[in-house]
PDB file of N, CA and C in Angstrom:
ATOM      1  N   MET A   1     -11.351  -5.773   5.922  1.00  0.00           N
ATOM      2  CA  MET A   1     -10.005  -5.254   5.928  1.00  0.00           C
ATOM      3  C   MET A   1      -9.604  -4.949   7.356  1.00  0.00           C
ATOM      4  N   GLU A   2      -8.471  -5.447   7.725  1.00  0.00           N
ATOM      5  CA  GLU A   2      -7.914  -5.164   9.041  1.00  0.00           C
ATOM      6  C   GLU A   2      -6.586  -4.441   8.836  1.00  0.00           C
ATOM      7  N   MET A   3      -6.347  -3.426   9.658  1.00  0.00           N
ATOM      8  CA  MET A   3      -5.097  -2.675   9.583  1.00  0.00           C
ATOM      9  C   MET A   3      -4.386  -2.774  10.922  1.00  0.00           C
ATOM     10  N   LYS A   4      -3.126  -3.182  10.876  1.00  0.00           N
ATOM     11  CA  LYS A   4      -2.307  -3.246  12.087  1.00  0.00           C
ATOM     12  C   LYS A   4      -1.118  -2.313  11.896  1.00  0.00           C
ATOM     13  N   THR A   5      -0.808  -1.555  12.942  1.00  0.00           N
ATOM     14  CA  THR A   5       0.296  -0.609  12.841  1.00  0.00           C
ATOM     15  C   THR A   5       1.268  -0.783  13.998  1.00  0.00           C
ATOM     16  N   HIS A   6       2.489  -0.441  13.735  1.00  0.00           N
ATOM     17  CA  HIS A   6       3.491  -0.266  14.781  1.00  0.00           C
ATOM     18  C   HIS A   6       4.562   0.668  14.229  1.00  0.00           C
ATOM     19  N   SER A   7       5.243   1.320  15.119  1.00  0.00           N
ATOM     20  CA  SER A   7       6.271   2.273  14.725  1.00  0.00           C
ATOM     21  C   SER A   7       7.609   1.813  15.287  1.00  0.00           C
ATOM     22  N   ALA A   8       8.639   1.904  14.461  1.00  0.00           N
ATOM     23  CA  ALA A   8       9.990   1.532  14.892  1.00  0.00           C
ATOM     24  C   ALA A   8      11.002   2.339  14.095  1.00  0.00           C
ATOM     25  N   ASP A   9      11.970   2.885  14.780  1.00  0.00           N
ATOM     26  CA  ASP A   9      13.055   3.635  14.142  1.00  0.00           C
ATOM     27  C   ASP A   9      12.542   4.755  13.237  1.00  0.00           C
ATOM     28  N   GLY A  10      11.477   5.411  13.648  1.00  0.00           N
ATOM     29  CA  GLY A  10      10.938   6.532  12.884  1.00  0.00           C
ATOM     30  C   GLY A  10      10.126   6.141  11.668  1.00  0.00           C
ATOM     31  N   VAL A  11       9.814   4.853  11.531  1.00  0.00           N
ATOM     32  CA  VAL A  11       9.037   4.370  10.391  1.00  0.00           C
ATOM     33  C   VAL A  11       7.710   3.818  10.898  1.00  0.00           C
ATOM     34  N   MET A  12       6.615   4.262  10.293  1.00  0.00           N
ATOM     35  CA  MET A  12       5.299   3.702  10.585  1.00  0.00           C
ATOM     36  C   MET A  12       5.120   2.486   9.689  1.00  0.00           C
ATOM     37  N   HIS A  13       4.916   1.325  10.303  1.00  0.00           N
ATOM     38  CA  HIS A  13       4.684   0.084   9.573  1.00  0.00           C
ATOM     39  C   HIS A  13       3.188  -0.206   9.620  1.00  0.00           C
ATOM     40  N   LEU A  14       2.592  -0.348   8.448  1.00  0.00           N
ATOM     41  CA  LEU A  14       1.167  -0.612   8.333  1.00  0.00           C
ATOM     42  C   LEU A  14       0.986  -1.931   7.596  1.00  0.00           C
ATOM     43  N   ALA A  15       0.343  -2.891   8.256  1.00  0.00           N
ATOM     44  CA  ALA A  15       0.064  -4.189   7.641  1.00  0.00           C
ATOM     45  C   ALA A  15      -1.434  -4.283   7.380  1.00  0.00           C
ATOM     46  N   LEU A  16      -1.787  -4.465   6.115  1.00  0.00           N
ATOM     47  CA  LEU A  16      -3.189  -4.636   5.737  1.00  0.00           C
ATOM     48  C   LEU A  16      -3.460  -6.126   5.595  1.00  0.00           C
ATOM     49  N   GLN A  17      -4.639  -6.548   6.058  1.00  0.00           N
ATOM     50  CA  GLN A  17      -4.984  -7.969   6.017  1.00  0.00           C
ATOM     51  C   GLN A  17      -6.406  -8.142   5.520  1.00  0.00           C
ATOM     52  N   GLY A  18      -6.609  -9.184   4.726  1.00  0.00           N
ATOM     53  CA  GLY A  18      -7.947  -9.513   4.251  1.00  0.00           C
ATOM     54  C   GLY A  18      -8.200  -8.959   2.861  1.00  0.00           C
ATOM     55  N   GLU A  19      -9.455  -8.654   2.594  1.00  0.00           N
ATOM     56  CA  GLU A  19      -9.859  -8.145   1.290  1.00  0.00           C
ATOM     57  C   GLU A  19      -9.765  -6.623   1.280  1.00  0.00           C
ATOM     58  N   PHE A  20      -9.263  -6.073   0.178  1.00  0.00           N
ATOM     59  CA  PHE A  20      -9.127  -4.627   0.010  1.00  0.00           C
ATOM     60  C   PHE A  20      -9.923  -4.272  -1.238  1.00  0.00           C
ATOM     61  N   THR A  21     -11.223  -4.085  -1.038  1.00  0.00           N
ATOM     62  CA  THR A  21     -12.147  -3.938  -2.160  1.00  0.00           C
ATOM     63  C   THR A  21     -13.057  -2.729  -1.964  1.00  0.00           C
ATOM     64  N   ILE A  22     -14.007  -2.598  -2.852  1.00  0.00           N
ATOM     65  CA  ILE A  22     -14.951  -1.480  -2.797  1.00  0.00           C
ATOM     66  C   ILE A  22     -15.655  -1.400  -1.443  1.00  0.00           C
ATOM     67  N   TYR A  23     -15.793  -2.522  -0.790  1.00  0.00           N
ATOM     68  CA  TYR A  23     -16.448  -2.535   0.519  1.00  0.00           C
ATOM     69  C   TYR A  23     -15.599  -1.846   1.586  1.00  0.00           C
ATOM     70  N   ASP A  24     -14.343  -1.555   1.254  1.00  0.00           N
ATOM     71  CA  ASP A  24     -13.431  -0.884   2.186  1.00  0.00           C
ATOM     72  C   ASP A  24     -13.177   0.570   1.810  1.00  0.00           C
ATOM     73  N   ALA A  25     -13.936   1.096   0.864  1.00  0.00           N
ATOM     74  CA  ALA A  25     -13.729   2.481   0.423  1.00  0.00           C
ATOM     75  C   ALA A  25     -13.844   3.466   1.580  1.00  0.00           C
ATOM     76  N   GLY A  26     -14.620   3.145   2.587  1.00  0.00           N
ATOM     77  CA  GLY A  26     -14.818   4.025   3.733  1.00  0.00           C
ATOM     78  C   GLY A  26     -13.595   4.196   4.616  1.00  0.00           C
ATOM     79  N   ILE A  27     -12.550   3.406   4.402  1.00  0.00           N
ATOM     80  CA  ILE A  27     -11.345   3.538   5.239  1.00  0.00           C
ATOM     81  C   ILE A  27     -10.380   4.586   4.693  1.00  0.00           C
ATOM     82  N   LYS A  28     -10.769   5.268   3.622  1.00  0.00           N
ATOM     83  CA  LYS A  28      -9.866   6.223   2.969  1.00  0.00           C
ATOM     84  C   LYS A  28      -9.249   7.209   3.956  1.00  0.00           C
ATOM     85  N   ASP A  29     -10.073   7.892   4.740  1.00  0.00           N
ATOM     86  CA  ASP A  29      -9.555   8.908   5.660  1.00  0.00           C
ATOM     87  C   ASP A  29      -8.641   8.299   6.720  1.00  0.00           C
ATOM     88  N   GLU A  30      -9.031   7.143   7.243  1.00  0.00           N
ATOM     89  CA  GLU A  30      -8.195   6.470   8.245  1.00  0.00           C
ATOM     90  C   GLU A  30      -6.861   6.043   7.633  1.00  0.00           C
ATOM     91  N   LEU A  31      -6.910   5.520   6.415  1.00  0.00           N
ATOM     92  CA  LEU A  31      -5.695   5.090   5.732  1.00  0.00           C
ATOM     93  C   LEU A  31      -4.768   6.277   5.480  1.00  0.00           C
ATOM     94  N   LEU A  32      -5.331   7.385   5.010  1.00  0.00           N
ATOM     95  CA  LEU A  32      -4.515   8.583   4.775  1.00  0.00           C
ATOM     96  C   LEU A  32      -3.902   9.090   6.075  1.00  0.00           C
ATOM     97  N   ALA A  33      -4.662   9.056   7.155  1.00  0.00           N
ATOM     98  CA  ALA A  33      -4.149   9.520   8.452  1.00  0.00           C
ATOM     99  C   ALA A  33      -3.011   8.621   8.939  1.00  0.00           C
ATOM    100  N   LEU A  34      -3.168   7.307   8.774  1.00  0.00           N
ATOM    101  CA  LEU A  34      -2.125   6.376   9.210  1.00  0.00           C
ATOM    102  C   LEU A  34      -0.847   6.528   8.386  1.00  0.00           C
ATOM    103  N   CYS A  35      -0.998   6.988   7.158  1.00  0.00           N
ATOM    104  CA  CYS A  35       0.146   7.118   6.256  1.00  0.00           C
ATOM    105  C   CYS A  35       0.683   8.543   6.203  1.00  0.00           C
ATOM    106  N   ALA A  36       0.351   9.349   7.194  1.00  0.00           N
ATOM    107  CA  ALA A  36       0.737  10.764   7.182  1.00  0.00           C
ATOM    108  C   ALA A  36       2.130  11.024   7.738  1.00  0.00           C
ATOM    109  N   GLY A  37       2.789  10.009   8.257  1.00  0.00           N
ATOM    110  CA  GLY A  37       4.125  10.203   8.824  1.00  0.00           C
ATOM    111  C   GLY A  37       5.172  10.416   7.748  1.00  0.00           C
ATOM    112  N   PRO A  38       6.368  10.832   8.142  1.00  0.00           N
ATOM    113  CA  PRO A  38       7.424  11.099   7.163  1.00  0.00           C
ATOM    114  C   PRO A  38       7.945   9.847   6.457  1.00  0.00           C
ATOM    115  N   ARG A  39       7.877   8.684   7.128  1.00  0.00           N
ATOM    116  CA  ARG A  39       8.328   7.428   6.530  1.00  0.00           C
ATOM    117  C   ARG A  39       7.310   6.339   6.852  1.00  0.00           C
ATOM    118  N   VAL A  40       6.744   5.747   5.796  1.00  0.00           N
ATOM    119  CA  VAL A  40       5.704   4.728   5.967  1.00  0.00           C
ATOM    120  C   VAL A  40       6.040   3.518   5.099  1.00  0.00           C
ATOM    121  N   GLU A  41       5.862   2.341   5.671  1.00  0.00           N
ATOM    122  CA  GLU A  41       5.981   1.088   4.927  1.00  0.00           C
ATOM    123  C   GLU A  41       4.656   0.348   5.030  1.00  0.00           C
ATOM    124  N   ILE A  42       4.147  -0.092   3.886  1.00  0.00           N
ATOM    125  CA  ILE A  42       2.877  -0.818   3.852  1.00  0.00           C
ATOM    126  C   ILE A  42       3.143  -2.257   3.422  1.00  0.00           C
ATOM    127  N   ASP A  43       2.715  -3.177   4.252  1.00  0.00           N
ATOM    128  CA  ASP A  43       2.854  -4.611   3.998  1.00  0.00           C
ATOM    129  C   ASP A  43       1.524  -5.119   3.456  1.00  0.00           C
ATOM    130  N   LEU A  44       1.540  -5.598   2.213  1.00  0.00           N
ATOM    131  CA  LEU A  44       0.330  -6.116   1.572  1.00  0.00           C
ATOM    132  C   LEU A  44       0.378  -7.640   1.430  1.00  0.00           C
ATOM    133  N   SER A  45       1.252  -8.291   2.183  1.00  0.00           N
ATOM    134  CA  SER A  45       1.424  -9.740   2.039  1.00  0.00           C
ATOM    135  C   SER A  45       0.207 -10.539   2.486  1.00  0.00           C
ATOM    136  N   GLN A  46      -0.663  -9.937   3.301  1.00  0.00           N
ATOM    137  CA  GLN A  46      -1.848 -10.643   3.788  1.00  0.00           C
ATOM    138  C   GLN A  46      -3.138 -10.138   3.141  1.00  0.00           C
ATOM    139  N   VAL A  47      -3.009  -9.327   2.090  1.00  0.00           N
ATOM    140  CA  VAL A  47      -4.185  -8.858   1.345  1.00  0.00           C
ATOM    141  C   VAL A  47      -4.472  -9.904   0.276  1.00  0.00           C
ATOM    142  N   ASN A  48      -5.478 -10.738   0.534  1.00  0.00           N
ATOM    143  CA  ASN A  48      -5.738 -11.870  -0.357  1.00  0.00           C
ATOM    144  C   ASN A  48      -6.672 -11.541  -1.513  1.00  0.00           C
ATOM    145  N   GLU A  49      -7.222 -10.328  -1.532  1.00  0.00           N
ATOM    146  CA  GLU A  49      -8.056  -9.884  -2.651  1.00  0.00           C
ATOM    147  C   GLU A  49      -7.983  -8.368  -2.718  1.00  0.00           C
ATOM    148  N   ILE A  50      -7.832  -7.847  -3.935  1.00  0.00           N
ATOM    149  CA  ILE A  50      -7.827  -6.405  -4.144  1.00  0.00           C
ATOM    150  C   ILE A  50      -8.551  -6.127  -5.456  1.00  0.00           C
ATOM    151  N   ASP A  51      -9.323  -5.054  -5.474  1.00  0.00           N
ATOM    152  CA  ASP A  51      -9.984  -4.652  -6.708  1.00  0.00           C
ATOM    153  C   ASP A  51      -9.520  -3.249  -7.077  1.00  0.00           C
ATOM    154  N   SER A  52     -10.165  -2.650  -8.079  1.00  0.00           N
ATOM    155  CA  SER A  52      -9.720  -1.339  -8.549  1.00  0.00           C
ATOM    156  C   SER A  52      -9.846  -0.260  -7.481  1.00  0.00           C
ATOM    157  N   VAL A  53     -10.790  -0.392  -6.565  1.00  0.00           N
ATOM    158  CA  VAL A  53     -10.920   0.591  -5.483  1.00  0.00           C
ATOM    159  C   VAL A  53      -9.721   0.491  -4.538  1.00  0.00           C
ATOM    160  N   GLY A  54      -9.306  -0.713  -4.199  1.00  0.00           N
ATOM    161  CA  GLY A  54      -8.121  -0.884  -3.366  1.00  0.00           C
ATOM    162  C   GLY A  54      -6.889  -0.297  -4.034  1.00  0.00           C
ATOM    163  N   VAL A  55      -6.757  -0.523  -5.339  1.00  0.00           N
ATOM    164  CA  VAL A  55      -5.638   0.043  -6.091  1.00  0.00           C
ATOM    165  C   VAL A  55      -5.711   1.566  -6.070  1.00  0.00           C
ATOM    166  N   GLN A  56      -6.903   2.116  -6.270  1.00  0.00           N
ATOM    167  CA  GLN A  56      -7.066   3.575  -6.251  1.00  0.00           C
ATOM    168  C   GLN A  56      -6.688   4.159  -4.898  1.00  0.00           C
ATOM    169  N   LEU A  57      -7.038   3.477  -3.825  1.00  0.00           N
ATOM    170  CA  LEU A  57      -6.675   3.971  -2.494  1.00  0.00           C
ATOM    171  C   LEU A  57      -5.158   3.949  -2.296  1.00  0.00           C
ATOM    172  N   LEU A  58      -4.500   2.914  -2.770  1.00  0.00           N
ATOM    173  CA  LEU A  58      -3.035   2.872  -2.679  1.00  0.00           C
ATOM    174  C   LEU A  58      -2.405   3.991  -3.505  1.00  0.00           C
ATOM    175  N   LEU A  59      -2.950   4.238  -4.694  1.00  0.00           N
ATOM    176  CA  LEU A  59      -2.439   5.329  -5.526  1.00  0.00           C
ATOM    177  C   LEU A  59      -2.666   6.686  -4.866  1.00  0.00           C
ATOM    178  N   LEU A  60      -3.800   6.847  -4.196  1.00  0.00           N
ATOM    179  CA  LEU A  60      -4.081   8.092  -3.476  1.00  0.00           C
ATOM    180  C   LEU A  60      -3.067   8.308  -2.357  1.00  0.00           C
ATOM    181  N   VAL A  61      -2.796   7.259  -1.595  1.00  0.00           N
ATOM    182  CA  VAL A  61      -1.811   7.348  -0.512  1.00  0.00           C
ATOM    183  C   VAL A  61      -0.433   7.704  -1.090  1.00  0.00           C
ATOM    184  N   LEU A  62      -0.057   7.066  -2.194  1.00  0.00           N
ATOM    185  CA  LEU A  62       1.225   7.358  -2.835  1.00  0.00           C
ATOM    186  C   LEU A  62       1.274   8.808  -3.310  1.00  0.00           C
ATOM    187  N   ARG A  63       0.220   9.267  -3.961  1.00  0.00           N
ATOM    188  CA  ARG A  63       0.170  10.640  -4.469  1.00  0.00           C
ATOM    189  C   ARG A  63       0.301  11.646  -3.333  1.00  0.00           C
ATOM    190  N   GLN A  64      -0.413  11.400  -2.227  1.00  0.00           N
ATOM    191  CA  GLN A  64      -0.328  12.301  -1.071  1.00  0.00           C
ATOM    192  C   GLN A  64       1.097  12.329  -0.520  1.00  0.00           C
ATOM    193  N   ALA A  65       1.719  11.180  -0.432  1.00  0.00           N
ATOM    194  CA  ALA A  65       3.093  11.107   0.078  1.00  0.00           C
ATOM    195  C   ALA A  65       4.041  11.885  -0.835  1.00  0.00           C
ATOM    196  N   GLN A  66       3.887  11.722  -2.140  1.00  0.00           N
ATOM    197  CA  GLN A  66       4.756  12.426  -3.077  1.00  0.00           C
ATOM    198  C   GLN A  66       4.545  13.934  -3.004  1.00  0.00           C
ATOM    199  N   MET A  67       3.307  14.364  -2.903  1.00  0.00           N
ATOM    200  CA  MET A  67       3.005  15.798  -2.837  1.00  0.00           C
ATOM    201  C   MET A  67       3.593  16.430  -1.582  1.00  0.00           C
ATOM    202  N   GLN A  68       3.654  15.661  -0.508  1.00  0.00           N
ATOM    203  CA  GLN A  68       4.156  16.176   0.764  1.00  0.00           C
ATOM    204  C   GLN A  68       5.608  15.754   1.017  1.00  0.00           C
ATOM    205  N   GLN A  69       6.250  15.222  -0.012  1.00  0.00           N
ATOM    206  CA  GLN A  69       7.653  14.805   0.035  1.00  0.00           C
ATOM    207  C   GLN A  69       7.944  13.864   1.208  1.00  0.00           C
ATOM    208  N   ARG A  70       7.061  12.867   1.338  1.00  0.00           N
ATOM    209  CA  ARG A  70       7.239  11.844   2.370  1.00  0.00           C
ATOM    210  C   ARG A  70       7.631  10.535   1.700  1.00  0.00           C
ATOM    211  N   SER A  71       8.196   9.641   2.470  1.00  0.00           N
ATOM    212  CA  SER A  71       8.628   8.344   1.967  1.00  0.00           C
ATOM    213  C   SER A  71       7.521   7.306   2.179  1.00  0.00           C
ATOM    214  N   LEU A  72       7.145   6.621   1.106  1.00  0.00           N
ATOM    215  CA  LEU A  72       6.165   5.535   1.185  1.00  0.00           C
ATOM    216  C   LEU A  72       6.724   4.352   0.410  1.00  0.00           C
ATOM    217  N   ARG A  73       6.781   3.194   1.076  1.00  0.00           N
ATOM    218  CA  ARG A  73       7.259   1.972   0.432  1.00  0.00           C
ATOM    219  C   ARG A  73       6.279   0.842   0.667  1.00  0.00           C
ATOM    220  N   LEU A  74       6.088   0.047  -0.364  1.00  0.00           N
ATOM    221  CA  LEU A  74       5.376  -1.217  -0.211  1.00  0.00           C
ATOM    222  C   LEU A  74       6.453  -2.265   0.028  1.00  0.00           C
ATOM    223  N   VAL A  75       6.315  -3.038   1.100  1.00  0.00           N
ATOM    224  CA  VAL A  75       7.386  -3.969   1.457  1.00  0.00           C
ATOM    225  C   VAL A  75       7.080  -5.424   1.130  1.00  0.00           C
ATOM    226  N   ALA A  76       5.861  -5.753   0.810  1.00  0.00           N
ATOM    227  CA  ALA A  76       5.520  -7.134   0.455  1.00  0.00           C
ATOM    228  C   ALA A  76       4.170  -7.140  -0.249  1.00  0.00           C
ATOM    229  N   LEU A  77       4.050  -7.964  -1.276  1.00  0.00           N
ATOM    230  CA  LEU A  77       2.785  -8.087  -2.002  1.00  0.00           C
ATOM    231  C   LEU A  77       2.308  -9.533  -1.965  1.00  0.00           C
ATOM    232  N   HIS A  78       1.043  -9.722  -1.641  1.00  0.00           N
ATOM    233  CA  HIS A  78       0.408 -11.032  -1.797  1.00  0.00           C
ATOM    234  C   HIS A  78       0.339 -11.310  -3.307  1.00  0.00           C
ATOM    235  N   PRO A  79       0.382 -12.557  -3.739  1.00  0.00           N
ATOM    236  CA  PRO A  79       0.273 -12.853  -5.167  1.00  0.00           C
ATOM    237  C   PRO A  79      -0.960 -12.221  -5.832  1.00  0.00           C
ATOM    238  N   ALA A  80      -2.076 -12.120  -5.116  1.00  0.00           N
ATOM    239  CA  ALA A  80      -3.271 -11.492  -5.689  1.00  0.00           C
ATOM    240  C   ALA A  80      -3.030 -10.008  -5.965  1.00  0.00           C
ATOM    241  N   VAL A  81      -2.312  -9.348  -5.073  1.00  0.00           N
ATOM    242  CA  VAL A  81      -1.985  -7.931  -5.267  1.00  0.00           C
ATOM    243  C   VAL A  81      -0.984  -7.797  -6.409  1.00  0.00           C
ATOM    244  N   ASN A  82      -0.006  -8.686  -6.446  1.00  0.00           N
ATOM    245  CA  ASN A  82       0.984  -8.650  -7.520  1.00  0.00           C
ATOM    246  C   ASN A  82       0.315  -8.815  -8.881  1.00  0.00           C
ATOM    247  N   THR A  83      -0.664  -9.708  -8.966  1.00  0.00           N
ATOM    248  CA  THR A  83      -1.397  -9.909 -10.215  1.00  0.00           C
ATOM    249  C   THR A  83      -2.114  -8.632 -10.634  1.00  0.00           C
ATOM    250  N   MET A  84      -2.751  -7.953  -9.684  1.00  0.00           N
ATOM    251  CA  MET A  84      -3.451  -6.709  -9.994  1.00  0.00           C
ATOM    252  C   MET A  84      -2.453  -5.626 -10.414  1.00  0.00           C
ATOM    253  N   PHE A  85      -1.297  -5.575  -9.756  1.00  0.00           N
ATOM    254  CA  PHE A  85      -0.267  -4.605 -10.132  1.00  0.00           C
ATOM    255  C   PHE A  85       0.233  -4.888 -11.552  1.00  0.00           C
ATOM    256  N   GLU A  86       0.347  -6.170 -11.920  1.00  0.00           N
ATOM    257  CA  GLU A  86       0.731  -6.523 -13.287  1.00  0.00           C
ATOM    258  C   GLU A  86      -0.329  -6.046 -14.270  1.00  0.00           C
ATOM    259  N   LEU A  87      -1.588  -6.271 -13.943  1.00  0.00           N
ATOM    260  CA  LEU A  87      -2.693  -5.874 -14.814  1.00  0.00           C
ATOM    261  C   LEU A  87      -2.683  -4.375 -15.084  1.00  0.00           C
ATOM    262  N   TYR A  88      -2.431  -3.582 -14.045  1.00  0.00           N
ATOM    263  CA  TYR A  88      -2.438  -2.121 -14.168  1.00  0.00           C
ATOM    264  C   TYR A  88      -1.043  -1.540 -14.417  1.00  0.00           C
ATOM    265  N   ASP A  89      -0.027  -2.395 -14.554  1.00  0.00           N
ATOM    266  CA  ASP A  89       1.346  -1.963 -14.802  1.00  0.00           C
ATOM    267  C   ASP A  89       1.807  -0.955 -13.748  1.00  0.00           C
ATOM    268  N   LEU A  90       1.688  -1.345 -12.473  1.00  0.00           N
ATOM    269  CA  LEU A  90       1.966  -0.445 -11.354  1.00  0.00           C
ATOM    270  C   LEU A  90       3.282  -0.709 -10.630  1.00  0.00           C
ATOM    271  N   HIS A  91       3.994  -1.735 -11.004  1.00  0.00           N
ATOM    272  CA  HIS A  91       5.223  -2.047 -10.272  1.00  0.00           C
ATOM    273  C   HIS A  91       6.172  -0.854 -10.235  1.00  0.00           C
ATOM    274  N   GLN A  92       6.444  -0.269 -11.388  1.00  0.00           N
ATOM    275  CA  GLN A  92       7.378   0.855 -11.441  1.00  0.00           C
ATOM    276  C   GLN A  92       6.824   2.069 -10.695  1.00  0.00           C
ATOM    277  N   THR A  93       5.528   2.279 -10.766  1.00  0.00           N
ATOM    278  CA  THR A  93       4.895   3.402 -10.065  1.00  0.00           C
ATOM    279  C   THR A  93       5.218   3.362  -8.581  1.00  0.00           C
ATOM    280  N   PHE A  94       5.227   2.162  -8.006  1.00  0.00           N
ATOM    281  CA  PHE A  94       5.502   1.998  -6.581  1.00  0.00           C
ATOM    282  C   PHE A  94       6.965   1.641  -6.297  1.00  0.00           C
ATOM    283  N   GLY A  95       7.829   1.728  -7.311  1.00  0.00           N
ATOM    284  CA  GLY A  95       9.251   1.467  -7.101  1.00  0.00           C
ATOM    285  C   GLY A  95       9.584   0.005  -6.896  1.00  0.00           C
ATOM    286  N   LEU A  96       8.790  -0.888  -7.485  1.00  0.00           N
ATOM    287  CA  LEU A  96       8.989  -2.331  -7.328  1.00  0.00           C
ATOM    288  C   LEU A  96       9.482  -2.936  -8.634  1.00  0.00           C
ATOM    289  N   ASP A  97      10.143  -4.094  -8.546  1.00  0.00           N
ATOM    290  CA  ASP A  97      10.478  -4.808  -9.767  1.00  0.00           C
ATOM    291  C   ASP A  97       9.249  -5.591 -10.227  1.00  0.00           C
ATOM    292  N   ASN A  98       9.371  -6.300 -11.330  1.00  0.00           N
ATOM    293  CA  ASN A  98       8.211  -7.005 -11.890  1.00  0.00           C
ATOM    294  C   ASN A  98       7.725  -8.165 -11.041  1.00  0.00           C
ATOM    295  N   ASN A  99       8.501  -8.557 -10.032  1.00  0.00           N
ATOM    296  CA  ASN A  99       8.076  -9.615  -9.119  1.00  0.00           C
ATOM    297  C   ASN A  99       7.429  -9.054  -7.865  1.00  0.00           C
ATOM    298  N   GLY A 100       7.264  -7.730  -7.811  1.00  0.00           N
ATOM    299  CA  GLY A 100       6.664  -7.114  -6.635  1.00  0.00           C
ATOM    300  C   GLY A 100       7.638  -6.916  -5.498  1.00  0.00           C
ATOM    301  N   GLU A 101       8.930  -6.963  -5.797  1.00  0.00           N
ATOM    302  CA  GLU A 101       9.969  -6.794  -4.776  1.00  0.00           C
ATOM    303  C   GLU A 101      10.657  -5.452  -4.964  1.00  0.00           C
ATOM    304  N   LEU A 102      11.224  -4.936  -3.880  1.00  0.00           N
ATOM    305  CA  LEU A 102      12.047  -3.738  -3.989  1.00  0.00           C
ATOM    306  C   LEU A 102      13.332  -4.109  -4.706  1.00  0.00           C
ATOM    307  N   PRO A 103      13.751  -3.309  -5.695  1.00  0.00           N
ATOM    308  CA  PRO A 103      15.007  -3.625  -6.383  1.00  0.00           C
ATOM    309  C   PRO A 103      16.185  -3.585  -5.415  1.00  0.00           C
ATOM    310  N   SER A 104      17.177  -4.455  -5.662  1.00  0.00           N
ATOM    311  CA  SER A 104      18.333  -4.461  -4.760  1.00  0.00           C
ATOM    312  C   SER A 104      19.353  -3.427  -5.180  1.00  0.00           C
TER     313      SER A 104
END
């Protein structure tokens, strides 16, 4: 798992790349720290594999953001991530339509 960040207009943009699986469970603290800003967008378009641990980490980040009244958006899903979101019925949880897109 590779994480790339940049900040623009008060938004932290985080792009995850590669596999997001149990082997990446150790990035939890780093991921939470990167997502601690008031407005965060996570790009999952380059995550070519995700398992239940990756999903749990995303849910943890979302829960932390909600508890602290921060904005968290997923801005793109790789088809593999979209499939996992369909399996767990997570589109609405993350504010996405059934195609993994933000509603217009």
